[in-house]
Every structure is written in structure tokens, then in C-alpha cells.
Amino acid sequence: MIAEDHRVAIRNIRREANEQIKKLAKEKKIAEDEDRRGHDETQKMTDACMLKLDQAARAKEKEIMEIR
């Protein structure tokens, strides 16, 4: 299913973002609270994208299932 491919892509982007945040924290370029905030914001954006994706997938499925 196309939606699942997009879910995987979103998760990969989240993973890459979290790795970058961890790298910055490890190099002491950001503070511990910024590290936590970065992970929280990344998760919020991921959740929002997943919600939009799910809504679009449901709408498209409904459209396809309608008999015209």
C-alpha cells in the first residue's frame, strides 16, 4: 500500500532527525533540555504527518470504494 511506504519514509526522517539531535548533544553543541525539546518536537511533527497521511489514505479509500 502506498500509504505504508510513506509511513516508513516519515519514520526514517524522524530517525535521522533524532540521530542529528543526539549528535549535537553528544558534541555539547546543545544543552540537555534542548535535546529533549528537539526529540519532543520531532515526535510532534511525526505524529502530525502520520495523522494527515492516515486522513488522506482514508479519504482516498472511501473515494475508490464509492460506486459511481
C-alpha atoms as a PDB file:
ATOM      1  CA  MET A   1       0.000   0.000   0.000  1.00  0.00           C
ATOM      2  CA  ILE A   2       1.303   3.431  -0.897  1.00  0.00           C
ATOM      3  CA  ALA A   3       0.389   4.898   2.494  1.00  0.00           C
ATOM      4  CA  GLU A   4       2.609   2.350   4.245  1.00  0.00           C
ATOM      5  CA  ASP A   5       5.561   3.369   2.065  1.00  0.00           C
ATOM      6  CA  HIS A   6       5.008   6.948   3.160  1.00  0.00           C
ATOM      7  CA  ARG A   7       4.755   5.916   6.819  1.00  0.00           C
ATOM      8  CA  VAL A   8       8.150   4.219   6.504  1.00  0.00           C
ATOM      9  CA  ALA A   9       9.596   7.344   4.874  1.00  0.00           C
ATOM     10  CA  ILE A  10       8.254   9.541   7.692  1.00  0.00           C
ATOM     11  CA  ARG A  11       9.726   7.202  10.308  1.00  0.00           C
ATOM     12  CA  ASN A  12      13.090   7.276   8.525  1.00  0.00           C
ATOM     13  CA  ILE A  13      13.068  11.074   8.548  1.00  0.00           C
ATOM     14  CA  ARG A  14      12.239  11.023  12.284  1.00  0.00           C
ATOM     15  CA  ARG A  15      15.106   8.604  12.927  1.00  0.00           C
ATOM     16  CA  GLU A  16      17.554  10.788  11.001  1.00  0.00           C
ATOM     17  CA  ALA A  17      16.401  13.902  12.862  1.00  0.00           C
ATOM     18  CA  ASN A  18      16.777  12.155  16.230  1.00  0.00           C
ATOM     19  CA  GLU A  19      20.263  10.977  15.272  1.00  0.00           C
ATOM     20  CA  GLN A  20      21.254  14.550  14.415  1.00  0.00           C
ATOM     21  CA  ILE A  21      19.885  15.807  17.739  1.00  0.00           C
ATOM     22  CA  LYS A  22      21.792  13.094  19.618  1.00  0.00           C
ATOM     23  CA  LYS A  23      24.959  14.005  17.723  1.00  0.00           C
ATOM     24  CA  LEU A  24      24.599  17.676  18.664  1.00  0.00           C
ATOM     25  CA  ALA A  25      24.008  16.760  22.302  1.00  0.00           C
ATOM     26  CA  LYS A  26      26.994  14.403  22.347  1.00  0.00           C
ATOM     27  CA  GLU A  27      29.208  17.147  20.891  1.00  0.00           C
ATOM     28  CA  LYS A  28      27.871  19.515  23.589  1.00  0.00           C
ATOM     29  CA  LYS A  29      26.537  21.897  20.911  1.00  0.00           C
ATOM     30  CA  ILE A  30      23.094  21.852  22.513  1.00  0.00           C
ATOM     31  CA  ALA A  31      22.006  21.600  26.131  1.00  0.00           C
ATOM     32  CA  GLU A  32      20.212  18.615  27.637  1.00  0.00           C
ATOM     33  CA  ASP A  33      16.877  20.449  27.724  1.00  0.00           C
ATOM     34  CA  GLU A  34      17.266  21.379  24.053  1.00  0.00           C
ATOM     35  CA  ASP A  35      17.968  17.712  23.315  1.00  0.00           C
ATOM     36  CA  ARG A  36      14.714  16.690  24.989  1.00  0.00           C
ATOM     37  CA  ARG A  37      12.793  19.512  23.339  1.00  0.00           C
ATOM     38  CA  GLY A  38      14.191  18.526  19.947  1.00  0.00           C
ATOM     39  CA  HIS A  39      13.083  14.924  20.364  1.00  0.00           C
ATOM     40  CA  ASP A  40       9.642  16.052  21.575  1.00  0.00           C
ATOM     41  CA  GLU A  41       9.183  18.434  18.638  1.00  0.00           C
ATOM     42  CA  THR A  42      10.341  15.788  16.178  1.00  0.00           C
ATOM     43  CA  GLN A  43       7.775  13.367  17.607  1.00  0.00           C
ATOM     44  CA  LYS A  44       5.014  16.011  17.449  1.00  0.00           C
ATOM     45  CA  MET A  45       5.796  16.702  13.791  1.00  0.00           C
ATOM     46  CA  THR A  46       5.901  12.973  13.066  1.00  0.00           C
ATOM     47  CA  ASP A  47       2.530  12.451  14.734  1.00  0.00           C
ATOM     48  CA  ALA A  48       1.014  15.350  12.777  1.00  0.00           C
ATOM     49  CA  CYS A  49       2.329  13.989   9.474  1.00  0.00           C
ATOM     50  CA  MET A  50       1.079  10.488  10.267  1.00  0.00           C
ATOM     51  CA  LEU A  51      -2.371  11.882  11.099  1.00  0.00           C
ATOM     52  CA  LYS A  52      -2.529  13.790   7.793  1.00  0.00           C
ATOM     53  CA  LEU A  53      -1.363  10.706   5.928  1.00  0.00           C
ATOM     54  CA  ASP A  54      -3.970   8.499   7.603  1.00  0.00           C
ATOM     55  CA  GLN A  55      -6.721  11.006   6.833  1.00  0.00           C
ATOM     56  CA  ALA A  56      -5.686  11.237   3.192  1.00  0.00           C
ATOM     57  CA  ALA A  57      -5.484   7.448   2.894  1.00  0.00           C
ATOM     58  CA  ARG A  58      -8.958   7.001   4.402  1.00  0.00           C
ATOM     59  CA  ALA A  59     -10.406   9.674   2.114  1.00  0.00           C
ATOM     60  CA  LYS A  60      -8.847   8.078  -0.951  1.00  0.00           C
ATOM     61  CA  GLU A  61     -10.026   4.623   0.097  1.00  0.00           C
ATOM     62  CA  LYS A  62     -13.562   5.951   0.545  1.00  0.00           C
ATOM     63  CA  GLU A  63     -13.386   7.642  -2.862  1.00  0.00           C
ATOM     64  CA  ILE A  64     -12.232   4.420  -4.514  1.00  0.00           C
ATOM     65  CA  MET A  65     -14.898   2.331  -2.805  1.00  0.00           C
ATOM     66  CA  GLU A  66     -17.759   4.570  -3.924  1.00  0.00           C
ATOM     67  CA  ILE A  67     -19.744   3.211  -6.837  1.00  0.00           C
ATOM     68  CA  ARG A  68     -20.447   5.890  -9.365  1.00  0.00           C
END
